[in-house]
PDB file of all heavy atoms in Angstrom:
ATOM      1  N   LYS A   1       7.694 -28.765 -17.437  1.00  0.00           N
ATOM      2  CA  LYS A   1       8.688 -27.968 -16.708  1.00  0.00           C
ATOM      3  C   LYS A   1      10.065 -28.522 -17.057  1.00  0.00           C
ATOM      4  O   LYS A   1      10.174 -29.658 -17.524  1.00  0.00           O
ATOM      5  CB  LYS A   1       8.450 -28.056 -15.199  1.00  0.00           C
ATOM      6  CG  LYS A   1       7.292 -27.203 -14.734  1.00  0.00           C
ATOM      7  CD  LYS A   1       7.293 -27.113 -13.225  1.00  0.00           C
ATOM      8  CE  LYS A   1       6.301 -26.046 -12.792  1.00  0.00           C
ATOM      9  NZ  LYS A   1       6.305 -25.874 -11.352  1.00  0.00           N
ATOM     10  N   GLU A   2      11.097 -27.733 -16.815  1.00  0.00           N
ATOM     11  CA  GLU A   2      12.446 -28.146 -17.184  1.00  0.00           C
ATOM     12  C   GLU A   2      12.870 -29.453 -16.522  1.00  0.00           C
ATOM     13  O   GLU A   2      13.665 -30.191 -17.079  1.00  0.00           O
ATOM     14  CB  GLU A   2      13.449 -27.035 -16.865  1.00  0.00           C
ATOM     15  CG  GLU A   2      13.305 -25.866 -17.824  1.00  0.00           C
ATOM     16  CD  GLU A   2      14.265 -24.725 -17.546  1.00  0.00           C
ATOM     17  OE1 GLU A   2      14.847 -24.669 -16.448  1.00  0.00           O
ATOM     18  OE2 GLU A   2      14.422 -23.888 -18.443  1.00  0.00           O
ATOM     19  N   ASN A   3      12.308 -29.775 -15.376  1.00  0.00           N
ATOM     20  CA  ASN A   3      12.677 -31.019 -14.694  1.00  0.00           C
ATOM     21  C   ASN A   3      11.723 -32.178 -15.015  1.00  0.00           C
ATOM     22  O   ASN A   3      11.815 -33.235 -14.415  1.00  0.00           O
ATOM     23  CB  ASN A   3      12.754 -30.798 -13.180  1.00  0.00           C
ATOM     24  CG  ASN A   3      11.415 -30.381 -12.591  1.00  0.00           C
ATOM     25  OD1 ASN A   3      10.488 -30.060 -13.315  1.00  0.00           O
ATOM     26  ND2 ASN A   3      11.335 -30.376 -11.273  1.00  0.00           N
ATOM     27  N   SER A   4      10.811 -31.999 -15.968  1.00  0.00           N
ATOM     28  CA  SER A   4       9.883 -33.062 -16.364  1.00  0.00           C
ATOM     29  C   SER A   4      10.638 -34.183 -17.055  1.00  0.00           C
ATOM     30  O   SER A   4      11.657 -33.960 -17.706  1.00  0.00           O
ATOM     31  CB  SER A   4       8.829 -32.524 -17.329  1.00  0.00           C
ATOM     32  OG  SER A   4       8.044 -31.540 -16.721  1.00  0.00           O
ATOM     33  N   THR A   5      10.104 -35.394 -16.930  1.00  0.00           N
ATOM     34  CA  THR A   5      10.735 -36.529 -17.602  1.00  0.00           C
ATOM     35  C   THR A   5       9.717 -37.272 -18.450  1.00  0.00           C
ATOM     36  O   THR A   5       8.540 -37.363 -18.112  1.00  0.00           O
ATOM     37  CB  THR A   5      11.339 -37.517 -16.584  1.00  0.00           C
ATOM     38  OG1 THR A   5      10.304 -37.983 -15.722  1.00  0.00           O
ATOM     39  CG2 THR A   5      12.446 -36.875 -15.779  1.00  0.00           C
ATOM     40  N   VAL A   6      10.202 -37.783 -19.554  1.00  0.00           N
ATOM     41  CA  VAL A   6       9.416 -38.635 -20.439  1.00  0.00           C
ATOM     42  C   VAL A   6      10.408 -39.617 -21.057  1.00  0.00           C
ATOM     43  O   VAL A   6      11.581 -39.272 -21.262  1.00  0.00           O
ATOM     44  CB  VAL A   6       8.658 -37.801 -21.517  1.00  0.00           C
ATOM     45  CG1 VAL A   6       9.607 -37.131 -22.475  1.00  0.00           C
ATOM     46  CG2 VAL A   6       7.638 -38.639 -22.255  1.00  0.00           C
ATOM     47  N   SER A   7       9.961 -40.828 -21.332  1.00  0.00           N
ATOM     48  CA  SER A   7      10.891 -41.823 -21.866  1.00  0.00           C
ATOM     49  C   SER A   7      11.349 -41.426 -23.272  1.00  0.00           C
ATOM     50  O   SER A   7      10.607 -40.794 -24.022  1.00  0.00           O
ATOM     51  CB  SER A   7      10.253 -43.211 -21.887  1.00  0.00           C
ATOM     52  OG  SER A   7       9.419 -43.366 -23.009  1.00  0.00           O
ATOM     53  N   ILE A   8      12.562 -41.802 -23.597  1.00  0.00           N
ATOM     54  CA  ILE A   8      13.123 -41.520 -24.928  1.00  0.00           C
ATOM     55  C   ILE A   8      12.255 -42.169 -25.998  1.00  0.00           C
ATOM     56  O   ILE A   8      12.004 -41.586 -27.054  1.00  0.00           O
ATOM     57  CB  ILE A   8      14.586 -42.028 -25.022  1.00  0.00           C
ATOM     58  CG1 ILE A   8      15.483 -41.235 -24.075  1.00  0.00           C
ATOM     59  CG2 ILE A   8      15.099 -41.964 -26.448  1.00  0.00           C
ATOM     60  CD1 ILE A   8      15.634 -39.774 -24.408  1.00  0.00           C
ATOM     61  N   LYS A   9      11.766 -43.372 -25.732  1.00  0.00           N
ATOM     62  CA  LYS A   9      10.933 -44.097 -26.697  1.00  0.00           C
ATOM     63  C   LYS A   9       9.655 -43.292 -27.001  1.00  0.00           C
ATOM     64  O   LYS A   9       9.274 -43.126 -28.159  1.00  0.00           O
ATOM     65  CB  LYS A   9      10.577 -45.475 -26.130  1.00  0.00           C
ATOM     66  CG  LYS A   9       9.798 -46.351 -27.054  1.00  0.00           C
ATOM     67  CD  LYS A   9       9.540 -47.710 -26.408  1.00  0.00           C
ATOM     68  CE  LYS A   9       8.733 -48.599 -27.319  1.00  0.00           C
ATOM     69  NZ  LYS A   9       8.463 -49.901 -26.712  1.00  0.00           N
ATOM     70  N   VAL A  10       8.992 -42.790 -25.962  1.00  0.00           N
ATOM     71  CA  VAL A  10       7.769 -41.995 -26.145  1.00  0.00           C
ATOM     72  C   VAL A  10       8.094 -40.692 -26.861  1.00  0.00           C
ATOM     73  O   VAL A  10       7.383 -40.287 -27.787  1.00  0.00           O
ATOM     74  CB  VAL A  10       7.083 -41.723 -24.783  1.00  0.00           C
ATOM     75  CG1 VAL A  10       5.967 -40.693 -24.920  1.00  0.00           C
ATOM     76  CG2 VAL A  10       6.527 -43.012 -24.200  1.00  0.00           C
ATOM     77  N   LEU A  11       9.169 -40.049 -26.469  1.00  0.00           N
ATOM     78  CA  LEU A  11       9.572 -38.793 -27.088  1.00  0.00           C
ATOM     79  C   LEU A  11       9.879 -38.984 -28.577  1.00  0.00           C
ATOM     80  O   LEU A  11       9.456 -38.183 -29.419  1.00  0.00           O
ATOM     81  CB  LEU A  11      10.785 -38.210 -26.366  1.00  0.00           C
ATOM     82  CG  LEU A  11      11.257 -36.842 -26.830  1.00  0.00           C
ATOM     83  CD1 LEU A  11      10.171 -35.791 -26.632  1.00  0.00           C
ATOM     84  CD2 LEU A  11      12.514 -36.435 -26.072  1.00  0.00           C
ATOM     85  N   ALA A  12      10.587 -40.048 -28.916  1.00  0.00           N
ATOM     86  CA  ALA A  12      10.910 -40.333 -30.318  1.00  0.00           C
ATOM     87  C   ALA A  12       9.641 -40.583 -31.125  1.00  0.00           C
ATOM     88  O   ALA A  12       9.508 -40.090 -32.255  1.00  0.00           O
ATOM     89  CB  ALA A  12      11.847 -41.541 -30.400  1.00  0.00           C
ATOM     90  N   LYS A  13       8.709 -41.320 -30.550  1.00  0.00           N
ATOM     91  CA  LYS A  13       7.443 -41.604 -31.222  1.00  0.00           C
ATOM     92  C   LYS A  13       6.649 -40.317 -31.443  1.00  0.00           C
ATOM     93  O   LYS A  13       6.074 -40.096 -32.501  1.00  0.00           O
ATOM     94  CB  LYS A  13       6.638 -42.590 -30.352  1.00  0.00           C
ATOM     95  CG  LYS A  13       5.543 -43.292 -31.059  1.00  0.00           C
ATOM     96  CD  LYS A  13       4.912 -44.289 -30.082  1.00  0.00           C
ATOM     97  CE  LYS A  13       4.352 -45.453 -30.812  1.00  0.00           C
ATOM     98  NZ  LYS A  13       3.744 -46.426 -29.924  1.00  0.00           N
ATOM     99  N   TYR A  14       6.633 -39.474 -30.430  1.00  0.00           N
ATOM    100  CA  TYR A  14       5.931 -38.187 -30.512  1.00  0.00           C
ATOM    101  C   TYR A  14       6.544 -37.326 -31.616  1.00  0.00           C
ATOM    102  O   TYR A  14       5.841 -36.783 -32.456  1.00  0.00           O
ATOM    103  CB  TYR A  14       6.001 -37.470 -29.156  1.00  0.00           C
ATOM    104  CG  TYR A  14       5.418 -36.071 -29.160  1.00  0.00           C
ATOM    105  CD1 TYR A  14       4.043 -35.888 -29.072  1.00  0.00           C
ATOM    106  CD2 TYR A  14       6.234 -34.943 -29.241  1.00  0.00           C
ATOM    107  CE1 TYR A  14       3.493 -34.603 -29.068  1.00  0.00           C
ATOM    108  CE2 TYR A  14       5.696 -33.670 -29.236  1.00  0.00           C
ATOM    109  CZ  TYR A  14       4.322 -33.501 -29.152  1.00  0.00           C
ATOM    110  OH  TYR A  14       3.793 -32.245 -29.159  1.00  0.00           O
ATOM    111  N   CYS A  15       7.852 -37.213 -31.621  1.00  0.00           N
ATOM    112  CA  CYS A  15       8.545 -36.348 -32.584  1.00  0.00           C
ATOM    113  C   CYS A  15       8.416 -36.844 -34.020  1.00  0.00           C
ATOM    114  O   CYS A  15       8.425 -36.047 -34.952  1.00  0.00           O
ATOM    115  CB  CYS A  15      10.009 -36.197 -32.209  1.00  0.00           C
ATOM    116  SG  CYS A  15      10.236 -35.199 -30.714  1.00  0.00           S
ATOM    117  N   SER A  16       8.291 -38.157 -34.218  1.00  0.00           N
ATOM    118  CA  SER A  16       8.204 -38.696 -35.573  1.00  0.00           C
ATOM    119  C   SER A  16       6.756 -38.860 -36.064  1.00  0.00           C
ATOM    120  O   SER A  16       6.544 -39.241 -37.209  1.00  0.00           O
ATOM    121  CB  SER A  16       8.934 -40.034 -35.649  1.00  0.00           C
ATOM    122  OG  SER A  16       8.270 -40.996 -34.850  1.00  0.00           O
ATOM    123  N   SER A  17       5.783 -38.551 -35.247  1.00  0.00           N
ATOM    124  CA  SER A  17       4.382 -38.724 -35.651  1.00  0.00           C
ATOM    125  C   SER A  17       3.966 -37.646 -36.651  1.00  0.00           C
ATOM    126  O   SER A  17       4.608 -36.608 -36.780  1.00  0.00           O
ATOM    127  CB  SER A  17       3.469 -38.713 -34.430  1.00  0.00           C
ATOM    128  OG  SER A  17       3.507 -37.438 -33.846  1.00  0.00           O
ATOM    129  N   LYS A  18       2.852 -37.901 -37.358  1.00  0.00           N
ATOM    130  CA  LYS A  18       2.363 -37.018 -38.413  1.00  0.00           C
ATOM    131  C   LYS A  18       1.675 -35.760 -37.885  1.00  0.00           C
ATOM    132  O   LYS A  18       1.560 -34.774 -38.584  1.00  0.00           O
ATOM    133  CB  LYS A  18       1.346 -37.766 -39.276  1.00  0.00           C
ATOM    134  CG  LYS A  18       1.894 -38.942 -40.012  1.00  0.00           C
ATOM    135  CD  LYS A  18       0.769 -39.639 -40.749  1.00  0.00           C
ATOM    136  CE  LYS A  18       1.201 -40.985 -41.284  1.00  0.00           C
ATOM    137  NZ  LYS A  18       0.107 -41.718 -41.865  1.00  0.00           N
ATOM    138  N   MET A  19       1.194 -35.824 -36.681  1.00  0.00           N
ATOM    139  CA  MET A  19       0.390 -34.723 -36.146  1.00  0.00           C
ATOM    140  C   MET A  19       1.191 -33.437 -36.003  1.00  0.00           C
ATOM    141  O   MET A  19       2.418 -33.441 -36.036  1.00  0.00           O
ATOM    142  CB  MET A  19      -0.180 -35.111 -34.799  1.00  0.00           C
ATOM    143  CG  MET A  19       0.896 -35.147 -33.759  1.00  0.00           C
ATOM    144  SD  MET A  19       0.430 -36.010 -32.318  1.00  0.00           S
ATOM    145  CE  MET A  19       1.985 -36.061 -31.511  1.00  0.00           C
ATOM    146  N   GLN A  20       0.470 -32.340 -35.816  1.00  0.00           N
ATOM    147  CA  GLN A  20       1.107 -31.057 -35.511  1.00  0.00           C
ATOM    148  C   GLN A  20       1.494 -31.104 -34.040  1.00  0.00           C
ATOM    149  O   GLN A  20       0.685 -31.499 -33.210  1.00  0.00           O
ATOM    150  CB  GLN A  20       0.121 -29.927 -35.758  1.00  0.00           C
ATOM    151  CG  GLN A  20      -0.440 -29.888 -37.175  1.00  0.00           C
ATOM    152  CD  GLN A  20      -1.644 -28.979 -37.250  1.00  0.00           C
ATOM    153  OE1 GLN A  20      -1.612 -27.861 -36.776  1.00  0.00           O
ATOM    154  NE2 GLN A  20      -2.721 -29.483 -37.837  1.00  0.00           N
ATOM    155  N   LYS A  21       2.715 -30.709 -33.736  1.00  0.00           N
ATOM    156  CA  LYS A  21       3.173 -30.835 -32.353  1.00  0.00           C
ATOM    157  C   LYS A  21       3.880 -29.577 -31.876  1.00  0.00           C
ATOM    158  O   LYS A  21       4.513 -28.887 -32.668  1.00  0.00           O
ATOM    159  CB  LYS A  21       4.046 -32.064 -32.182  1.00  0.00           C
ATOM    160  CG  LYS A  21       5.128 -32.230 -33.213  1.00  0.00           C
ATOM    161  CD  LYS A  21       5.651 -33.643 -33.187  1.00  0.00           C
ATOM    162  CE  LYS A  21       5.914 -34.332 -34.457  1.00  0.00           C
ATOM    163  NZ  LYS A  21       5.249 -34.154 -35.638  1.00  0.00           N
ATOM    164  N   GLU A  22       3.723 -29.338 -30.593  1.00  0.00           N
ATOM    165  CA  GLU A  22       4.372 -28.191 -29.960  1.00  0.00           C
ATOM    166  C   GLU A  22       4.807 -28.575 -28.560  1.00  0.00           C
ATOM    167  O   GLU A  22       4.180 -29.412 -27.918  1.00  0.00           O
ATOM    168  CB  GLU A  22       3.393 -27.015 -29.820  1.00  0.00           C
ATOM    169  CG  GLU A  22       2.929 -26.401 -31.107  1.00  0.00           C
ATOM    170  CD  GLU A  22       1.839 -25.366 -30.869  1.00  0.00           C
ATOM    171  OE1 GLU A  22       2.030 -24.492 -29.984  1.00  0.00           O
ATOM    172  OE2 GLU A  22       0.804 -25.453 -31.533  1.00  0.00           O
ATOM    173  N   PHE A  23       5.849 -27.919 -28.094  1.00  0.00           N
ATOM    174  CA  PHE A  23       6.289 -28.037 -26.713  1.00  0.00           C
ATOM    175  C   PHE A  23       6.193 -26.660 -26.081  1.00  0.00           C
ATOM    176  O   PHE A  23       6.580 -25.666 -26.699  1.00  0.00           O
ATOM    177  CB  PHE A  23       7.752 -28.505 -26.632  1.00  0.00           C
ATOM    178  CG  PHE A  23       7.972 -29.932 -27.015  1.00  0.00           C
ATOM    179  CD1 PHE A  23       8.462 -30.254 -28.270  1.00  0.00           C
ATOM    180  CD2 PHE A  23       7.718 -30.954 -26.118  1.00  0.00           C
ATOM    181  CE1 PHE A  23       8.683 -31.566 -28.633  1.00  0.00           C
ATOM    182  CE2 PHE A  23       7.934 -32.272 -26.466  1.00  0.00           C
ATOM    183  CZ  PHE A  23       8.423 -32.586 -27.725  1.00  0.00           C
ATOM    184  N   VAL A  24       5.680 -26.586 -24.877  1.00  0.00           N
ATOM    185  CA  VAL A  24       5.643 -25.327 -24.136  1.00  0.00           C
ATOM    186  C   VAL A  24       6.348 -25.574 -22.803  1.00  0.00           C
ATOM    187  O   VAL A  24       5.847 -26.328 -21.960  1.00  0.00           O
ATOM    188  CB  VAL A  24       4.197 -24.838 -23.895  1.00  0.00           C
ATOM    189  CG1 VAL A  24       4.196 -23.588 -23.036  1.00  0.00           C
ATOM    190  CG2 VAL A  24       3.485 -24.597 -25.221  1.00  0.00           C
ATOM    191  N   CYS A  25       7.501 -24.942 -22.628  1.00  0.00           N
ATOM    192  CA  CYS A  25       8.247 -25.066 -21.381  1.00  0.00           C
ATOM    193  C   CYS A  25       7.763 -23.984 -20.423  1.00  0.00           C
ATOM    194  O   CYS A  25       7.825 -22.792 -20.726  1.00  0.00           O
ATOM    195  CB  CYS A  25       9.738 -24.917 -21.629  1.00  0.00           C
ATOM    196  SG  CYS A  25      10.712 -25.096 -20.119  1.00  0.00           S
ATOM    197  N   VAL A  26       7.247 -24.416 -19.286  1.00  0.00           N
ATOM    198  CA  VAL A  26       6.757 -23.489 -18.265  1.00  0.00           C
ATOM    199  C   VAL A  26       7.914 -23.220 -17.313  1.00  0.00           C
ATOM    200  O   VAL A  26       8.348 -24.094 -16.579  1.00  0.00           O
ATOM    201  CB  VAL A  26       5.539 -24.087 -17.527  1.00  0.00           C
ATOM    202  CG1 VAL A  26       5.061 -23.142 -16.450  1.00  0.00           C
ATOM    203  CG2 VAL A  26       4.431 -24.409 -18.522  1.00  0.00           C
ATOM    204  N   LYS A  27       8.403 -22.004 -17.337  1.00  0.00           N
ATOM    205  CA  LYS A  27       9.585 -21.660 -16.537  1.00  0.00           C
ATOM    206  C   LYS A  27       9.229 -21.187 -15.132  1.00  0.00           C
ATOM    207  O   LYS A  27      10.052 -21.222 -14.243  1.00  0.00           O
ATOM    208  CB  LYS A  27      10.410 -20.594 -17.267  1.00  0.00           C
ATOM    209  CG  LYS A  27      10.941 -21.122 -18.597  1.00  0.00           C
ATOM    210  CD  LYS A  27      11.960 -20.214 -19.192  1.00  0.00           C
ATOM    211  CE  LYS A  27      12.340 -20.620 -20.578  1.00  0.00           C
ATOM    212  NZ  LYS A  27      13.220 -21.712 -20.722  1.00  0.00           N
ATOM    213  N   GLU A  28       7.990 -20.740 -14.929  1.00  0.00           N
ATOM    214  CA  GLU A  28       7.577 -20.285 -13.597  1.00  0.00           C
ATOM    215  C   GLU A  28       7.608 -21.462 -12.634  1.00  0.00           C
ATOM    216  O   GLU A  28       7.228 -22.570 -12.975  1.00  0.00           O
ATOM    217  CB  GLU A  28       6.162 -19.684 -13.633  1.00  0.00           C
ATOM    218  CG  GLU A  28       6.078 -18.346 -14.333  1.00  0.00           C
ATOM    219  CD  GLU A  28       6.100 -18.458 -15.868  1.00  0.00           C
ATOM    220  OE1 GLU A  28       5.924 -19.573 -16.388  1.00  0.00           O
ATOM    221  OE2 GLU A  28       6.326 -17.447 -16.521  1.00  0.00           O
ATOM    222  N   SER A  29       8.017 -21.206 -11.426  1.00  0.00           N
ATOM    223  CA  SER A  29       8.142 -22.295 -10.454  1.00  0.00           C
ATOM    224  C   SER A  29       7.003 -22.306  -9.432  1.00  0.00           C
ATOM    225  O   SER A  29       7.023 -23.097  -8.500  1.00  0.00           O
ATOM    226  CB  SER A  29       9.491 -22.204  -9.734  1.00  0.00           C
ATOM    227  OG  SER A  29       9.587 -20.970  -9.057  1.00  0.00           O
ATOM    228  N   THR A  30       6.016 -21.445  -9.610  1.00  0.00           N
ATOM    229  CA  THR A  30       4.907 -21.412  -8.656  1.00  0.00           C
ATOM    230  C   THR A  30       4.048 -22.656  -8.775  1.00  0.00           C
ATOM    231  O   THR A  30       4.022 -23.315  -9.816  1.00  0.00           O
ATOM    232  CB  THR A  30       4.024 -20.162  -8.897  1.00  0.00           C
ATOM    233  OG1 THR A  30       3.538 -20.210 -10.243  1.00  0.00           O
ATOM    234  CG2 THR A  30       4.785 -18.886  -8.665  1.00  0.00           C
ATOM    235  N   LYS A  31       3.342 -22.946  -7.708  1.00  0.00           N
ATOM    236  CA  LYS A  31       2.451 -24.112  -7.688  1.00  0.00           C
ATOM    237  C   LYS A  31       1.385 -23.948  -8.781  1.00  0.00           C
ATOM    238  O   LYS A  31       0.820 -22.867  -8.940  1.00  0.00           O
ATOM    239  CB  LYS A  31       1.796 -24.233  -6.306  1.00  0.00           C
ATOM    240  CG  LYS A  31       0.958 -25.472  -6.171  1.00  0.00           C
ATOM    241  CD  LYS A  31       0.362 -25.580  -4.786  1.00  0.00           C
ATOM    242  CE  LYS A  31      -0.458 -26.853  -4.718  1.00  0.00           C
ATOM    243  NZ  LYS A  31      -1.299 -26.929  -3.570  1.00  0.00           N
ATOM    244  N   ASN A  32       1.113 -24.998  -9.504  1.00  0.00           N
ATOM    245  CA  ASN A  32       0.098 -25.046 -10.562  1.00  0.00           C
ATOM    246  C   ASN A  32       0.403 -24.151 -11.761  1.00  0.00           C
ATOM    247  O   ASN A  32      -0.499 -23.830 -12.537  1.00  0.00           O
ATOM    248  CB  ASN A  32      -1.292 -24.710 -10.011  1.00  0.00           C
ATOM    249  CG  ASN A  32      -1.771 -25.730  -9.012  1.00  0.00           C
ATOM    250  OD1 ASN A  32      -1.509 -26.926  -9.159  1.00  0.00           O
ATOM    251  ND2 ASN A  32      -2.446 -25.275  -7.976  1.00  0.00           N
TER     252      ASN A  32
END
């Protein structure tokens, strides 16, 4: 969600890794 947090160190590691990666931002604010 837009208010989710992750450390910069983890994010940098994720972005520089070899694997295929995607981000999905969930904009709905309903529970679950």
